[in-house]
């Protein structure tokens, strides 16, 4: 990503820190958590509206994620 952004200094990425389950594919949550430090001045836009799950499911999931360790 740094190489792609090096010429013009701009890059857009999309990620979900709750998708660290894909470590078997080489994914790591550090890519998302460290992004602001790796790309100073980055503008973070959070998409927090969920259109696929009901509120009770979201409440449970959010509680699980709140208790989860990094």
N, C-alpha and C. Protein backbone atom coordinates (compact mmCIF):
# COMPACT_ATOMS: atom_id res chain seq x y z
N UNK A 1 0.84 -1.18 0.00
CA UNK A 1 0.00 0.00 0.00
C UNK A 1 0.88 1.25 0.00
N UNK A 2 1.97 1.21 0.76
CA UNK A 2 2.87 2.36 0.79
C UNK A 2 3.45 2.63 -0.59
N UNK A 3 3.80 1.59 -1.30
CA UNK A 3 4.34 1.76 -2.65
C UNK A 3 3.30 2.38 -3.58
N UNK A 4 2.06 1.93 -3.47
CA UNK A 4 0.99 2.49 -4.30
C UNK A 4 0.75 3.96 -4.00
N UNK A 5 0.88 4.34 -2.74
CA UNK A 5 0.62 5.72 -2.33
C UNK A 5 1.83 6.63 -2.48
N UNK A 6 2.99 6.07 -2.72
CA UNK A 6 4.22 6.85 -2.67
C UNK A 6 4.30 7.96 -3.72
N UNK A 7 3.80 7.75 -4.89
CA UNK A 7 3.97 8.74 -5.95
C UNK A 7 3.12 9.99 -5.73
N UNK A 8 1.83 9.80 -5.43
CA UNK A 8 0.94 10.95 -5.29
C UNK A 8 0.52 11.22 -3.85
N UNK A 9 0.86 10.32 -2.96
CA UNK A 9 0.54 10.53 -1.56
C UNK A 9 -0.92 10.31 -1.21
N UNK A 10 -1.64 9.61 -2.08
CA UNK A 10 -3.03 9.33 -1.74
C UNK A 10 -3.36 7.86 -1.98
N UNK A 11 -4.23 7.35 -1.15
CA UNK A 11 -4.64 5.96 -1.24
C UNK A 11 -5.98 5.83 -0.53
N UNK A 12 -6.80 4.91 -0.99
CA UNK A 12 -8.05 4.63 -0.30
C UNK A 12 -8.08 3.14 0.01
N UNK A 13 -8.39 2.82 1.25
CA UNK A 13 -8.50 1.43 1.65
C UNK A 13 -9.81 1.24 2.40
N UNK A 14 -10.29 0.02 2.39
CA UNK A 14 -11.51 -0.34 3.12
C UNK A 14 -11.17 -1.55 3.97
N UNK A 15 -11.58 -1.52 5.22
CA UNK A 15 -11.27 -2.64 6.09
C UNK A 15 -12.25 -2.74 7.24
N UNK A 16 -12.21 -3.86 7.91
CA UNK A 16 -13.07 -4.13 9.06
C UNK A 16 -12.22 -4.82 10.11
N UNK A 17 -11.99 -4.13 11.23
CA UNK A 17 -11.12 -4.70 12.26
C UNK A 17 -11.70 -5.96 12.88
N UNK A 18 -12.97 -6.22 12.69
CA UNK A 18 -13.59 -7.44 13.21
C UNK A 18 -13.36 -8.63 12.28
N UNK A 19 -12.69 -8.42 11.17
CA UNK A 19 -12.46 -9.50 10.21
C UNK A 19 -11.07 -10.11 10.34
N UNK A 20 -10.48 -10.00 11.52
CA UNK A 20 -9.16 -10.58 11.76
C UNK A 20 -9.18 -12.10 11.70
N UNK A 21 -10.37 -12.68 11.57
CA UNK A 21 -10.47 -14.13 11.45
C UNK A 21 -9.81 -14.64 10.18
N UNK A 22 -9.48 -13.73 9.27
CA UNK A 22 -8.87 -14.15 8.01
C UNK A 22 -7.35 -14.20 8.09
N UNK A 23 -6.81 -14.40 9.29
CA UNK A 23 -5.36 -14.49 9.46
C UNK A 23 -4.77 -15.62 8.63
N UNK A 24 -5.56 -16.67 8.42
CA UNK A 24 -5.06 -17.79 7.61
C UNK A 24 -4.78 -17.36 6.18
N UNK A 25 -5.32 -16.22 5.76
CA UNK A 25 -5.05 -15.68 4.42
C UNK A 25 -3.96 -14.61 4.46
N UNK A 26 -3.36 -14.44 5.62
CA UNK A 26 -2.30 -13.45 5.76
C UNK A 26 -2.78 -12.11 6.29
N UNK A 27 -4.06 -12.00 6.61
CA UNK A 27 -4.60 -10.75 7.15
C UNK A 27 -4.17 -10.57 8.60
N UNK A 28 -4.00 -9.34 8.99
CA UNK A 28 -3.72 -9.01 10.38
C UNK A 28 -4.44 -7.72 10.73
N UNK A 29 -5.02 -7.67 11.90
CA UNK A 29 -5.75 -6.48 12.34
C UNK A 29 -4.80 -5.29 12.49
N UNK A 30 -3.51 -5.54 12.62
CA UNK A 30 -2.53 -4.45 12.73
C UNK A 30 -2.57 -3.56 11.50
N UNK A 31 -2.89 -4.12 10.33
CA UNK A 31 -2.98 -3.30 9.12
C UNK A 31 -3.97 -2.17 9.30
N UNK A 32 -5.07 -2.45 9.96
CA UNK A 32 -6.10 -1.43 10.17
C UNK A 32 -5.75 -0.54 11.36
N UNK A 33 -5.36 -1.16 12.47
CA UNK A 33 -5.09 -0.39 13.68
C UNK A 33 -3.90 0.56 13.51
N UNK A 34 -2.91 0.17 12.73
CA UNK A 34 -1.71 0.99 12.54
C UNK A 34 -1.82 1.96 11.36
N UNK A 35 -2.89 1.88 10.61
CA UNK A 35 -3.02 2.69 9.40
C UNK A 35 -2.82 4.19 9.64
N UNK A 36 -3.46 4.77 10.67
CA UNK A 36 -3.27 6.22 10.88
C UNK A 36 -1.82 6.61 11.18
N UNK A 37 -1.08 5.73 11.84
CA UNK A 37 0.33 6.02 12.12
C UNK A 37 1.19 5.84 10.87
N UNK A 38 0.83 4.86 10.06
CA UNK A 38 1.59 4.59 8.83
C UNK A 38 1.33 5.65 7.76
N UNK A 39 0.14 6.25 7.80
CA UNK A 39 -0.25 7.26 6.83
C UNK A 39 -0.76 8.49 7.57
N UNK A 40 0.17 9.30 8.11
CA UNK A 40 -0.23 10.49 8.86
C UNK A 40 -1.12 11.40 7.99
N UNK A 41 -2.12 11.96 8.61
CA UNK A 41 -3.04 12.82 7.87
C UNK A 41 -4.17 12.06 7.20
N UNK A 42 -4.19 10.75 7.40
CA UNK A 42 -5.26 9.95 6.79
C UNK A 42 -6.61 10.38 7.35
N UNK A 43 -7.60 10.40 6.50
CA UNK A 43 -8.96 10.71 6.93
C UNK A 43 -9.69 9.39 7.06
N UNK A 44 -10.19 9.11 8.26
CA UNK A 44 -10.89 7.86 8.54
C UNK A 44 -12.39 8.12 8.46
N UNK A 45 -13.07 7.36 7.65
CA UNK A 45 -14.53 7.46 7.53
C UNK A 45 -15.10 6.13 7.98
N UNK A 46 -15.86 6.16 9.05
CA UNK A 46 -16.44 4.94 9.60
C UNK A 46 -17.85 4.76 9.07
N UNK A 47 -18.10 3.59 8.52
CA UNK A 47 -19.44 3.23 8.06
C UNK A 47 -20.07 2.39 9.16
N UNK A 48 -20.97 2.98 9.91
CA UNK A 48 -21.49 2.32 11.10
C UNK A 48 -22.96 1.93 10.99
N UNK A 49 -23.57 2.17 9.87
CA UNK A 49 -24.96 1.77 9.67
C UNK A 49 -24.99 0.34 9.14
N UNK A 50 -25.72 -0.52 9.81
CA UNK A 50 -25.81 -1.92 9.41
C UNK A 50 -27.20 -2.19 8.86
N UNK A 51 -27.26 -2.67 7.65
CA UNK A 51 -28.54 -2.94 7.00
C UNK A 51 -28.86 -4.43 6.92
N UNK A 52 -27.98 -5.28 7.45
CA UNK A 52 -28.17 -6.72 7.28
C UNK A 52 -28.60 -7.45 8.54
N UNK A 53 -28.45 -6.84 9.72
CA UNK A 53 -28.76 -7.54 10.97
C UNK A 53 -29.78 -6.77 11.79
N UNK A 54 -30.52 -7.50 12.60
CA UNK A 54 -31.49 -6.86 13.49
C UNK A 54 -30.77 -6.29 14.71
N UNK A 55 -31.42 -5.38 15.42
CA UNK A 55 -30.78 -4.72 16.56
C UNK A 55 -30.34 -5.69 17.65
N UNK A 56 -31.13 -6.72 18.02
CA UNK A 56 -30.64 -7.65 19.04
C UNK A 56 -29.33 -8.35 18.64
N UNK A 57 -29.20 -8.71 17.39
CA UNK A 57 -27.97 -9.34 16.91
C UNK A 57 -26.81 -8.34 16.99
N UNK A 58 -27.06 -7.11 16.59
CA UNK A 58 -26.03 -6.08 16.66
C UNK A 58 -25.62 -5.81 18.10
N UNK A 59 -26.58 -5.76 19.00
CA UNK A 59 -26.26 -5.53 20.41
C UNK A 59 -25.35 -6.62 20.96
N UNK A 60 -25.69 -7.87 20.68
CA UNK A 60 -24.87 -8.99 21.14
C UNK A 60 -23.47 -8.93 20.53
N UNK A 61 -23.41 -8.72 19.24
CA UNK A 61 -22.13 -8.67 18.55
C UNK A 61 -21.27 -7.53 19.08
N UNK A 62 -21.87 -6.37 19.27
CA UNK A 62 -21.11 -5.23 19.79
C UNK A 62 -20.59 -5.51 21.20
N UNK A 63 -21.36 -6.21 22.01
CA UNK A 63 -20.90 -6.56 23.36
C UNK A 63 -19.74 -7.55 23.29
N UNK A 64 -19.82 -8.52 22.41
CA UNK A 64 -18.72 -9.48 22.24
C UNK A 64 -17.46 -8.75 21.79
N UNK A 65 -17.60 -7.86 20.81
CA UNK A 65 -16.44 -7.12 20.31
C UNK A 65 -15.88 -6.18 21.38
N UNK A 66 -16.74 -5.60 22.20
CA UNK A 66 -16.28 -4.71 23.25
C UNK A 66 -15.40 -5.45 24.25
N UNK A 67 -15.75 -6.70 24.52
CA UNK A 67 -15.00 -7.50 25.50
C UNK A 67 -13.77 -8.18 24.89
N UNK A 68 -13.71 -8.21 23.59
CA UNK A 68 -12.61 -8.92 22.91
C UNK A 68 -11.29 -8.18 23.10
N UNK A 69 -10.26 -8.95 23.15
CA UNK A 69 -8.91 -8.37 23.19
C UNK A 69 -8.46 -8.11 21.77
N UNK A 70 -7.48 -7.25 21.65
CA UNK A 70 -6.94 -6.93 20.33
C UNK A 70 -6.40 -8.17 19.67
